[in-house]
Amino acid sequence: MFVDKDIQQIYKKGITIEQIKAQITRLKDGMTHSKLVGAATIGKGIEAYDDEETKALIQYYETHKKDLSILKFVPASGAATRMFKFLFLFLKNYNPSKENINDFINRQNNTLIETFILNFEKFPFYKEVLSKAKTSISGFEDLSEGEKYVHFVKIMLDEEGLNYSFLPKGLLPFHQYEDENVTAFQEHLLESTLYASSNGNSNLHFTVSEKHHSLFNDELSKVKPFLEAETGTKFNVTFSYQKEETETIALTAKDEVFRNEDDSILFRPAGHGALLENLNDLDHDIIFIKNIDNIVVADKNIEVSNYKKLLAGVLLEAQEKVFDYLRKLDSGNLTEADFNLMILFLRYRLNVPMNVEFDTFSTLEKIAYLKDKFNRPIRVCGMVKNEGEPGGGPFWVKGKDGDVSLQIVEFAQIDFSKTGQQGIVYKATHFNPTDLVCGVKNYKGEKFNLKEFVDHDAAFITIKTHNGIDIKALELPGLWNGSMAYWNSIFVAVPLETFNPVKMVNDLLKPAHQVS
């Protein structure tokens, strides 16, 4: 199938022929859907804590974090282009010389443009855009309202303007404090001091695209000195790219390897599941994971950040118990009561199914079995009430081996042609906001190899277009989906206020992104 130049291209990326063959097989066989058994709800897979319990868990984390190496991991490679999709359509479809802007909005019933225009002064970039328009466009003040907004949008998006459509989302102005615009990147640095710092240090790792790396470095150099002075915290910031060896091939509609015009193989980024490699390279006791666009203004962040501490407290408390059990198992000095306590903890705290024949095992078999179940990475995931947001949620899922476990499942992984699966989804009460804290070391202080806990069958297959041609594309199991399938998982209910993503530019008008 592959000629010499193909093999050289494959090996140059750090990929093996066996991996490529496995990708082709996966694309041809089609996607493996998750088998939902039920939705995780409060009391059935999702824990909920009252105010007193929450305070106690926050205090538990605060007490212990001085002894920990803590990291905040932020996927930040996404470009901002999709945030402005409706503005690109506006430039394409609106001609201010033919109709005024209100008639255009009414004719198109374009509520997005209407919201954008009516609230333009509330965006953090308003003053900068207006200033540039006045200085660069002759006779700007005499233009019609429609002409002015066309120029505003062009200044925002075009390369000769502010070039927002090229920038990564993390470097866009998200919030405004008096006359200062603040990027999402800067807000994440500041937020880390509220819950992800220890002994005067904040460690942050951002996954970025190579073409944007220098821009992030420039922003870091600009904001780091005064943030360190303001917070009394030293920021240790590192960056990484999605690795080339995680890229995947695509197939044509005829199940042939898709090739570029020069006959080379097309390799594509493999989705956020590829970032497991980046996460696996980091050596810290606990790691918070949060998306770059889920950040709020400073005066609202203290309360939101308390729920990150809650998740961390839950993790540390559970981890301490797990480590105690593993040391007990190492000692070999166990009673039947010890085994029973461990089984109860696995079932009802870590949501781990037990082999029905466990009671028939010998003592050595029981020890080996329990060590395997306990000695895994642990993740504690915040879950918010489902308000109709697109994306994944917490479900009980039956694996190939027949075991049922807690998983975060994306809608793309669900076979909606089956009414039983549909019914489970409709009963779901909670949504995954990508709000995790992870314990990635074992009871001996050794870092887990996270690649050993992936469900490779949970890969995504999607239909994409490349140069106008339909292709079958393969994405690796999602970072918090199949890539963490064999971790021990605890899901915790957190308020909806902790989830404030910016998917389109108008989201910056929501209260969480407006300074009081």
Protein backbone atom coordinates (compact mmCIF):
# COMPACT_ATOMS: atom_id res chain seq x y z
CA MET A 1 0.00 0.00 0.00
CA PHE A 2 2.78 2.43 0.84
CA VAL A 3 5.78 3.30 -1.35
CA ASP A 4 9.18 4.36 0.01
CA LYS A 5 8.38 8.08 0.15
CA ASP A 6 5.20 7.28 2.16
CA ILE A 7 7.17 5.20 4.64
CA GLN A 8 9.72 7.99 5.04
CA GLN A 9 6.93 10.52 5.64
CA ILE A 10 5.30 8.26 8.22
CA TYR A 11 8.49 7.53 10.13
CA LYS A 12 9.55 11.20 10.02
CA LYS A 13 6.43 11.98 12.05
CA GLY A 14 7.37 9.37 14.63
CA ILE A 15 4.53 7.04 13.61
CA THR A 16 4.87 3.34 12.85
CA ILE A 17 3.36 1.45 9.91
CA GLU A 18 1.50 -0.70 12.45
CA GLN A 19 -0.16 2.40 13.89
CA ILE A 20 -1.18 3.57 10.42
CA LYS A 21 -2.67 0.15 9.64
CA ALA A 22 -4.61 0.26 12.91
CA GLN A 23 -5.95 3.72 11.99
CA ILE A 24 -7.07 2.48 8.58
CA THR A 25 -8.81 -0.51 10.14
CA ARG A 26 -10.56 1.73 12.65
CA LEU A 27 -11.75 4.10 9.90
CA LYS A 28 -13.02 1.23 7.76
CA ASP A 29 -14.73 -0.60 10.62
CA GLY A 30 -16.50 2.52 11.80
CA MET A 31 -16.93 4.09 15.19
CA THR A 32 -17.57 2.05 18.32
CA HIS A 33 -20.49 3.58 20.20
CA SER A 34 -20.67 3.68 23.97
CA LYS A 35 -23.26 1.38 25.53
CA LEU A 36 -25.08 3.58 28.01
CA VAL A 37 -26.63 1.81 30.98
CA GLY A 38 -27.93 4.91 32.70
CA ALA A 39 -27.35 8.61 33.28
CA ALA A 40 -25.24 9.53 36.28
CA THR A 41 -27.37 11.61 38.64
CA ILE A 42 -27.00 12.94 42.16
CA GLY A 43 -26.84 9.95 44.48
CA LYS A 44 -26.22 7.63 41.54
CA GLY A 45 -22.74 8.49 40.41
CA ILE A 46 -22.67 12.22 41.20
CA GLU A 47 -21.83 13.37 44.70
CA ALA A 48 -23.30 16.54 46.20
CA TYR A 49 -22.04 18.37 49.29
CA ASP A 50 -23.81 20.82 51.59
CA ASP A 51 -22.18 24.06 52.75
CA GLU A 52 -20.62 22.55 55.86
CA GLU A 53 -19.15 19.59 53.96
CA THR A 54 -17.90 21.90 51.22
CA LYS A 55 -16.09 24.13 53.74
CA ALA A 56 -14.49 21.10 55.38
CA LEU A 57 -13.21 19.73 52.05
CA ILE A 58 -11.89 23.14 51.00
CA GLN A 59 -10.06 23.40 54.32
CA TYR A 60 -8.66 19.89 53.85
CA TYR A 61 -7.15 20.98 50.53
CA GLU A 62 -5.86 24.28 51.95
CA THR A 63 -4.16 22.41 54.78
CA HIS A 64 -2.42 19.89 52.56
CA LYS A 65 -1.53 21.86 49.42
CA LYS A 66 1.70 23.25 50.89
CA ASP A 67 3.14 19.74 50.64
CA LEU A 68 2.09 19.29 47.01
CA SER A 69 3.38 20.15 43.57
CA ILE A 70 0.33 21.62 41.82
CA LEU A 71 -0.17 22.41 38.14
CA LYS A 72 -2.90 24.05 36.12
CA PHE A 73 -3.16 22.52 32.61
CA VAL A 74 -4.93 24.66 30.02
CA PRO A 75 -5.64 23.50 26.44
CA ALA A 76 -5.17 26.77 24.53
CA SER A 77 -4.35 25.93 20.94
CA GLY A 78 -7.76 26.81 19.51
CA ALA A 79 -7.92 29.74 17.10
CA ALA A 80 -10.62 32.36 17.66
CA THR A 81 -11.98 32.11 14.11
CA ARG A 82 -15.18 30.26 15.08
CA MET A 83 -16.01 32.96 17.62
CA PHE A 84 -16.57 35.36 14.74
CA LYS A 85 -18.41 33.10 12.30
CA PHE A 86 -21.56 35.22 12.26
CA LEU A 87 -19.48 38.38 11.72
CA PHE A 88 -17.82 36.86 8.65
CA LEU A 89 -21.30 36.09 7.31
CA PHE A 90 -22.33 39.67 8.08
CA LEU A 91 -19.49 41.05 5.96
CA LYS A 92 -20.39 38.66 3.16
CA ASN A 93 -24.13 39.32 3.13
CA TYR A 94 -24.54 42.98 4.11
CA ASN A 95 -24.09 45.85 1.66
CA PRO A 96 -24.54 49.22 3.46
CA SER A 97 -24.98 51.04 0.14
CA LYS A 98 -28.16 49.04 -0.57
CA GLU A 99 -29.96 48.99 2.79
CA ASN A 100 -29.62 50.31 6.29
CA ILE A 101 -28.48 47.99 9.01
CA ASN A 102 -31.83 47.77 10.80
CA ASP A 103 -33.59 46.66 7.61
CA PHE A 104 -30.87 44.04 7.10
CA ILE A 105 -31.31 42.72 10.66
CA ASN A 106 -35.10 42.56 10.29
CA ARG A 107 -34.96 40.95 6.85
CA GLN A 108 -32.52 38.30 8.03
CA ASN A 109 -34.00 38.03 11.53
CA ASN A 110 -30.36 38.19 12.60
CA THR A 111 -30.48 38.34 16.40
CA LEU A 112 -26.71 37.74 16.69
CA ILE A 113 -25.83 40.89 14.74
CA GLU A 114 -28.55 42.81 16.56
CA THR A 115 -27.12 41.80 19.95
CA PHE A 116 -23.59 42.60 18.77
CA ILE A 117 -24.53 46.11 17.57
CA LEU A 118 -26.80 47.08 20.45
CA ASN A 119 -24.12 46.14 22.99
CA PHE A 120 -20.96 47.01 21.07
CA GLU A 121 -19.80 49.51 23.71
CA LYS A 122 -19.76 46.71 26.32
CA PHE A 123 -17.10 44.66 24.54
CA PRO A 124 -13.59 45.00 26.01
CA PHE A 125 -12.16 45.89 22.59
CA TYR A 126 -14.69 48.67 21.87
CA LYS A 127 -12.43 51.65 22.58
CA GLU A 128 -9.51 50.16 20.65
CA VAL A 129 -11.66 49.40 17.60
CA LEU A 130 -13.28 52.84 17.68
CA SER A 131 -9.93 54.60 18.02
CA LYS A 132 -8.45 52.69 15.10
CA ALA A 133 -11.50 53.42 12.96
CA LYS A 134 -11.28 57.16 13.62
CA THR A 135 -7.57 57.33 12.82
CA SER A 136 -7.49 55.02 9.79
CA ILE A 137 -10.75 55.79 7.96
CA SER A 138 -11.15 59.21 6.38
CA GLY A 139 -14.49 60.85 7.16
CA PHE A 140 -15.47 58.09 9.54
CA GLU A 141 -17.82 60.28 11.58
CA ASP A 142 -19.90 61.08 8.49
CA LEU A 143 -20.51 57.45 7.54
CA SER A 144 -23.88 55.75 7.97
CA GLU A 145 -24.38 53.44 10.95
CA GLY A 146 -24.20 50.42 8.65
CA GLU A 147 -20.94 51.61 7.08
CA LYS A 148 -19.44 52.20 10.50
CA TYR A 149 -20.22 48.66 11.68
CA VAL A 150 -18.80 47.14 8.52
CA HIS A 151 -15.56 49.00 9.24
CA PHE A 152 -15.66 48.00 12.93
CA VAL A 153 -15.93 44.32 12.03
CA LYS A 154 -13.21 44.55 9.38
CA ILE A 155 -10.87 46.25 11.86
CA MET A 156 -11.51 43.44 14.34
CA LEU A 157 -10.98 40.59 11.90
CA ASP A 158 -8.66 41.68 9.10
CA GLU A 159 -4.91 41.18 9.10
CA GLU A 160 -4.27 44.89 8.53
CA GLY A 161 -6.53 45.62 11.51
CA LEU A 162 -6.46 43.93 14.91
CA ASN A 163 -6.38 40.49 13.28
CA TYR A 164 -8.56 38.82 15.91
CA SER A 165 -9.53 36.03 13.51
CA PHE A 166 -5.90 34.90 13.41
CA LEU A 167 -5.22 35.11 17.14
CA PRO A 168 -5.67 32.15 19.48
CA LYS A 169 -8.69 32.52 21.71
CA GLY A 170 -6.43 32.85 24.74
CA LEU A 171 -4.91 36.11 23.48
CA LEU A 172 -8.15 37.92 22.71
CA PRO A 173 -9.24 40.69 25.08
CA PHE A 174 -11.85 38.98 27.25
CA HIS A 175 -12.43 41.49 30.03
CA GLN A 176 -11.96 45.19 30.68
CA TYR A 177 -10.97 46.75 34.02
CA GLU A 178 -11.23 50.55 33.83
CA ASP A 179 -9.05 51.26 30.77
CA GLU A 180 -7.14 47.97 30.73
CA ASN A 181 -8.01 45.10 28.41
CA VAL A 182 -7.17 41.67 29.82
CA THR A 183 -6.74 38.48 27.81
CA ALA A 184 -8.05 35.05 28.80
CA PHE A 185 -4.40 33.99 29.16
CA GLN A 186 -3.73 36.68 31.75
CA GLU A 187 -6.93 35.83 33.62
CA HIS A 188 -5.81 32.19 33.90
CA LEU A 189 -2.52 33.30 35.45
CA LEU A 190 -4.37 35.38 38.00
CA GLU A 191 -6.92 32.64 38.66
CA SER A 192 -4.18 30.10 39.39
CA THR A 193 -3.22 32.10 42.50
CA LEU A 194 -6.68 31.47 43.93
CA TYR A 195 -6.51 27.67 44.01
CA ALA A 196 -3.61 26.20 42.01
CA SER A 197 -0.64 27.74 43.79
CA SER A 198 1.51 26.48 46.63
CA ASN A 199 4.29 28.08 48.67
CA GLY A 200 4.20 31.24 46.58
CA ASN A 201 4.45 29.42 43.23
CA SER A 202 1.93 28.95 40.45
CA ASN A 203 2.77 26.33 37.84
CA LEU A 204 0.83 26.58 34.60
CA HIS A 205 1.12 24.65 31.35
CA PHE A 206 -0.59 25.80 28.16
CA THR A 207 -0.87 23.66 25.04
CA VAL A 208 -0.60 26.05 22.09
CA SER A 209 -0.12 25.88 18.34
CA GLU A 210 3.43 26.41 17.15
CA LYS A 211 2.48 29.45 15.06
CA HIS A 212 1.08 31.20 18.16
CA HIS A 213 3.83 30.29 20.62
CA SER A 214 5.79 33.52 20.19
CA LEU A 215 2.60 35.55 20.74
CA PHE A 216 1.98 33.78 24.06
CA ASN A 217 5.59 34.39 25.06
CA ASP A 218 5.20 38.08 24.26
CA GLU A 219 2.04 38.31 26.36
CA LEU A 220 3.71 36.46 29.23
CA SER A 221 6.69 38.83 29.17
CA LYS A 222 4.31 41.79 29.24
CA VAL A 223 2.05 40.72 32.12
CA LYS A 224 4.23 38.51 34.30
CA PRO A 225 6.27 41.22 36.14
CA PHE A 226 3.33 43.25 37.40
CA LEU A 227 1.21 40.14 38.16
CA GLU A 228 4.03 38.70 40.28
CA ALA A 229 4.36 42.03 42.11
CA GLU A 230 0.60 42.34 42.56
CA THR A 231 0.00 38.79 43.82
CA GLY A 232 3.31 37.95 45.52
CA THR A 233 3.36 34.79 43.42
CA LYS A 234 6.04 33.44 41.11
CA PHE A 235 4.56 32.18 37.84
CA ASN A 236 6.26 29.16 36.29
CA VAL A 237 4.70 28.95 32.84
CA THR A 238 5.50 26.32 30.22
CA PHE A 239 4.11 25.60 26.76
CA SER A 240 3.88 22.58 24.48
CA TYR A 241 2.47 21.71 21.06
CA GLN A 242 0.36 18.78 19.98
CA LYS A 243 2.92 16.16 18.99
CA GLU A 244 3.30 15.17 15.36
CA GLU A 245 3.21 11.48 16.24
CA THR A 246 -0.40 11.91 17.45
CA GLU A 247 -1.62 13.03 14.02
CA THR A 248 -3.88 10.64 12.10
CA ILE A 249 -4.57 9.85 8.47
CA ALA A 250 -7.89 10.17 6.65
CA LEU A 251 -9.67 8.03 4.07
CA THR A 252 -11.63 8.96 0.96
CA ALA A 253 -15.22 7.94 0.40
CA LYS A 254 -13.80 4.82 -1.32
CA ASP A 255 -11.74 3.93 1.79
CA GLU A 256 -8.45 4.89 0.17
CA VAL A 257 -5.76 6.87 1.97
CA PHE A 258 -6.39 10.55 1.25
CA ARG A 259 -3.46 12.32 -0.35
CA ASN A 260 -2.48 15.95 -0.87
CA GLU A 261 -2.03 17.43 -4.34
CA ASP A 262 1.69 16.52 -4.24
CA ASP A 263 0.68 12.88 -3.54
CA SER A 264 1.91 13.01 0.07
CA ILE A 265 -0.31 11.52 2.78
CA LEU A 266 -2.62 13.98 4.51
CA PHE A 267 -2.06 13.94 8.29
CA ARG A 268 -4.54 15.75 10.53
CA PRO A 269 -4.56 16.87 14.18
CA ALA A 270 -6.29 14.17 16.21
CA GLY A 271 -8.48 16.27 18.55
CA HIS A 272 -7.96 17.03 22.24
CA GLY A 273 -7.26 13.35 22.94
CA ALA A 274 -3.81 13.96 21.45
CA LEU A 275 -3.06 16.16 24.47
CA LEU A 276 -2.79 13.07 26.67
CA GLU A 277 0.82 12.91 25.44
CA ASN A 278 1.41 16.46 26.68
CA LEU A 279 -0.28 15.75 30.00
CA ASN A 280 1.74 12.58 30.41
CA ASP A 281 5.01 14.53 30.13
CA LEU A 282 4.23 16.63 33.22
CA ASP A 283 5.44 15.62 36.67
CA HIS A 284 3.24 17.06 39.43
CA ASP A 285 1.22 15.65 42.32
CA ILE A 286 -2.13 17.04 41.22
CA ILE A 287 -3.17 18.70 37.98
CA PHE A 288 -6.17 20.95 37.41
CA ILE A 289 -7.56 20.94 33.86
CA LYS A 290 -9.64 23.81 32.54
CA ASN A 291 -10.30 25.16 29.04
CA ILE A 292 -8.85 28.52 28.03
CA ASP A 293 -12.25 30.14 27.33
CA ASN A 294 -13.88 29.16 30.65
CA ILE A 295 -12.74 32.10 32.75
CA VAL A 296 -14.63 34.87 34.57
CA VAL A 297 -13.84 38.41 35.69
CA ALA A 298 -11.83 38.79 38.88
CA ASP A 299 -14.65 39.89 41.20
CA LYS A 300 -16.62 36.73 40.38
CA ASN A 301 -13.65 34.40 40.43
CA ILE A 302 -13.16 33.98 44.17
CA GLU A 303 -16.46 32.14 44.59
CA VAL A 304 -15.98 30.12 41.41
CA SER A 305 -12.48 29.12 42.50
CA ASN A 306 -13.75 27.75 45.79
CA TYR A 307 -15.34 24.93 43.85
CA LYS A 308 -11.95 24.03 42.35
CA LYS A 309 -10.70 23.70 45.92
CA LEU A 310 -13.72 21.52 46.71
CA LEU A 311 -12.81 19.15 43.87
CA ALA A 312 -9.21 19.06 45.05
CA GLY A 313 -10.30 18.33 48.62
CA VAL A 314 -12.42 15.43 47.39
CA LEU A 315 -9.44 14.13 45.41
CA LEU A 316 -6.94 14.34 48.28
CA GLU A 317 -9.30 12.74 50.79
CA ALA A 318 -10.08 9.84 48.44
CA GLN A 319 -6.44 9.51 47.40
CA GLU A 320 -5.28 9.29 51.02
CA LYS A 321 -7.67 6.39 51.62
CA VAL A 322 -6.57 4.64 48.40
CA PHE A 323 -2.89 5.00 49.33
CA ASP A 324 -3.57 3.58 52.81
CA TYR A 325 -5.32 0.57 51.27
CA LEU A 326 -2.49 -0.05 48.81
CA ARG A 327 0.10 0.01 51.57
CA LYS A 328 -2.06 -2.40 53.55
CA LEU A 329 -2.27 -4.67 50.48
CA ASP A 330 1.52 -4.53 50.13
CA SER A 331 1.91 -5.67 53.72
CA GLY A 332 -0.14 -8.81 53.05
CA ASN A 333 -1.52 -8.56 56.59
CA LEU A 334 -5.24 -8.43 55.85
CA THR A 335 -8.41 -9.72 57.47
CA GLU A 336 -11.75 -10.43 55.86
CA ALA A 337 -12.98 -7.15 57.35
CA ASP A 338 -10.17 -5.30 55.52
CA PHE A 339 -11.24 -6.85 52.23
CA ASN A 340 -14.87 -5.90 52.85
CA LEU A 341 -13.99 -2.26 53.59
CA MET A 342 -11.92 -2.03 50.42
CA ILE A 343 -14.72 -3.52 48.33
CA LEU A 344 -17.21 -1.03 49.74
CA PHE A 345 -14.84 1.87 49.01
CA LEU A 346 -14.26 0.73 45.44
CA ARG A 347 -17.95 0.23 44.76
CA TYR A 348 -19.46 3.26 46.43
CA ARG A 349 -16.68 5.87 46.44
CA LEU A 350 -14.69 5.13 43.32
CA ASN A 351 -17.65 3.68 41.38
CA VAL A 352 -15.64 0.59 40.41
CA PRO A 353 -17.53 -2.63 39.57
CA MET A 354 -16.39 -5.81 41.31
CA ASN A 355 -15.91 -9.26 39.86
CA VAL A 356 -18.92 -11.35 41.00
CA GLU A 357 -16.57 -14.24 41.74
CA PHE A 358 -14.30 -12.17 44.02
CA ASP A 359 -15.34 -14.13 47.11
CA THR A 360 -14.05 -17.34 45.53
CA PHE A 361 -10.56 -15.90 44.95
CA SER A 362 -7.61 -16.97 47.06
CA THR A 363 -6.06 -14.36 49.35
CA LEU A 364 -3.24 -13.71 46.88
CA GLU A 365 -5.72 -13.36 44.00
CA LYS A 366 -7.82 -10.92 46.05
CA ILE A 367 -4.75 -8.81 46.82
CA ALA A 368 -3.65 -8.72 43.18
CA TYR A 369 -7.18 -7.88 42.03
CA LEU A 370 -7.63 -5.04 44.52
CA LYS A 371 -4.18 -3.59 43.83
CA ASP A 372 -5.01 -3.44 40.14
CA LYS A 373 -8.30 -1.64 40.83
CA PHE A 374 -6.85 0.83 43.33
CA ASN A 375 -3.52 1.59 41.68
CA ARG A 376 -4.76 3.92 38.95
CA PRO A 377 -4.89 7.66 38.28
CA ILE A 378 -7.83 9.37 39.96
CA ARG A 379 -9.88 12.20 38.50
CA VAL A 380 -12.50 14.28 40.25
CA CYS A 381 -14.76 16.03 37.75
CA GLY A 382 -17.17 18.86 38.40
CA MET A 383 -20.60 18.40 36.82
CA VAL A 384 -23.14 21.18 36.27
CA LYS A 385 -26.90 21.00 35.76
CA ASN A 386 -27.83 20.32 32.16
CA GLU A 387 -29.18 23.50 30.57
CA GLY A 388 -29.18 22.20 27.00
CA GLU A 389 -25.51 22.83 26.26
CA PRO A 390 -24.08 20.71 23.43
CA GLY A 391 -21.44 18.20 24.37
CA GLY A 392 -20.75 15.38 26.78
CA GLY A 393 -22.09 14.31 30.09
CA PRO A 394 -21.69 11.74 32.89
CA PHE A 395 -23.09 8.29 32.21
CA TRP A 396 -22.84 4.72 33.43
CA VAL A 397 -21.36 2.75 30.53
CA LYS A 398 -20.97 -0.99 29.91
CA GLY A 399 -17.54 -1.91 28.55
CA LYS A 400 -16.53 -4.75 26.26
CA ASP A 401 -15.77 -6.89 29.32
CA GLY A 402 -19.29 -6.38 30.64
CA ASP A 403 -18.15 -4.13 33.52
CA VAL A 404 -20.14 -0.95 34.15
CA SER A 405 -18.20 2.21 34.97
CA LEU A 406 -18.61 5.96 35.21
CA GLN A 407 -17.56 7.78 32.04
CA ILE A 408 -17.79 11.19 30.43
CA VAL A 409 -19.45 10.50 27.08
CA GLU A 410 -19.72 12.88 24.12
CA PHE A 411 -22.90 12.85 22.05
CA ALA A 412 -20.83 11.70 19.06
CA GLN A 413 -20.14 8.46 20.97
CA ILE A 414 -23.85 7.66 21.39
CA ASP A 415 -25.92 5.69 18.90
CA PHE A 416 -29.07 7.83 18.77
CA SER A 417 -30.70 5.41 16.32
CA LYS A 418 -31.41 3.19 19.33
CA THR A 419 -34.41 4.46 21.26
CA GLY A 420 -33.13 2.97 24.51
CA GLN A 421 -29.94 5.00 24.27
CA GLN A 422 -31.94 8.13 23.40
CA GLY A 423 -34.10 7.62 26.47
CA ILE A 424 -31.06 7.48 28.76
CA VAL A 425 -29.68 10.71 27.30
CA TYR A 426 -33.01 12.50 27.79
CA LYS A 427 -32.97 11.52 31.48
CA ALA A 428 -29.52 13.03 32.01
CA THR A 429 -29.48 15.80 34.58
CA HIS A 430 -25.86 16.98 34.35
CA PHE A 431 -23.33 18.18 31.83
CA ASN A 432 -19.53 18.00 31.64
CA PRO A 433 -18.00 21.51 31.81
CA THR A 434 -14.41 20.19 31.51
CA ASP A 435 -13.53 21.02 35.10
CA LEU A 436 -11.16 18.35 36.44
CA VAL A 437 -8.52 17.80 39.07
CA CYS A 438 -6.31 14.78 38.56
CA GLY A 439 -4.10 12.66 40.79
CA VAL A 440 -1.46 11.25 38.44
CA LYS A 441 1.00 9.67 40.89
CA ASN A 442 0.76 6.35 42.71
CA TYR A 443 1.08 5.64 46.42
CA LYS A 444 4.87 5.41 46.08
CA GLY A 445 5.09 8.90 44.57
CA GLU A 446 5.77 7.53 41.09
CA LYS A 447 4.10 9.11 38.06
CA PHE A 448 1.63 6.89 36.23
CA ASN A 449 2.11 6.28 32.53
CA LEU A 450 -1.27 7.71 31.52
CA LYS A 451 -1.14 6.00 28.12
CA GLU A 452 -1.78 2.67 29.88
CA PHE A 453 -5.32 3.70 30.89
CA VAL A 454 -6.80 4.58 27.48
CA ASP A 455 -9.77 2.89 25.78
CA HIS A 456 -8.48 2.96 22.22
CA ASP A 457 -11.85 1.80 20.88
CA ALA A 458 -13.34 5.14 21.97
CA ALA A 459 -11.83 6.98 18.99
CA PHE A 460 -14.03 9.42 17.06
CA ILE A 461 -14.73 9.10 13.33
CA THR A 462 -16.17 12.16 11.61
CA ILE A 463 -16.86 13.31 8.06
CA LYS A 464 -14.83 16.41 7.24
CA THR A 465 -14.04 18.27 4.05
CA HIS A 466 -10.57 18.99 2.69
CA ASN A 467 -10.36 21.30 -0.30
CA GLY A 468 -14.04 20.62 -0.90
CA ILE A 469 -13.67 16.83 -0.81
CA ASP A 470 -15.39 14.67 1.83
CA ILE A 471 -12.99 12.61 3.93
CA LYS A 472 -13.34 10.22 6.86
CA ALA A 473 -11.27 11.66 9.68
CA LEU A 474 -10.06 9.95 12.85
CA GLU A 475 -9.69 11.60 16.24
CA LEU A 476 -8.06 9.95 19.22
CA PRO A 477 -10.19 9.13 22.28
CA GLY A 478 -11.04 12.46 23.92
CA LEU A 479 -8.75 13.65 26.71
CA TRP A 480 -11.46 13.40 29.37
CA ASN A 481 -13.42 10.69 27.50
CA GLY A 482 -11.76 7.51 26.25
CA SER A 483 -8.27 8.70 27.19
CA MET A 484 -9.27 8.52 30.87
CA ALA A 485 -11.61 5.55 30.53
CA TYR A 486 -9.65 3.33 32.94
CA TRP A 487 -8.97 5.97 35.58
CA ASN A 488 -10.87 5.90 38.86
CA SER A 489 -13.53 8.60 38.63
CA ILE A 490 -15.50 10.68 41.12
CA PHE A 491 -18.12 13.12 39.81
CA VAL A 492 -19.17 16.08 41.96
CA ALA A 493 -22.06 18.49 41.45
CA VAL A 494 -20.92 22.11 41.15
CA PRO A 495 -22.99 25.25 40.39
CA LEU A 496 -23.71 26.28 36.82
CA GLU A 497 -21.89 29.55 37.61
CA THR A 498 -18.59 27.66 37.30
CA PHE A 499 -19.21 27.14 33.57
CA ASN A 500 -18.80 30.30 31.51
CA PRO A 501 -17.25 29.42 28.14
CA VAL A 502 -16.86 31.91 25.31
CA LYS A 503 -17.88 30.05 22.16
CA MET A 504 -18.89 33.15 20.21
CA VAL A 505 -17.93 36.78 20.68
CA ASN A 506 -21.39 37.70 22.04
CA ASP A 507 -20.73 35.42 25.04
CA LEU A 508 -18.44 38.19 26.32
CA LEU A 509 -21.61 40.18 27.05
CA LYS A 510 -22.76 37.69 29.70
CA PRO A 511 -22.56 38.83 33.35
CA ALA A 512 -19.63 36.50 34.11
CA HIS A 513 -17.50 38.48 31.65
CA GLN A 514 -18.65 41.97 32.58
CA VAL A 515 -16.97 43.89 35.38
CA SER A 516 -19.51 44.99 37.97
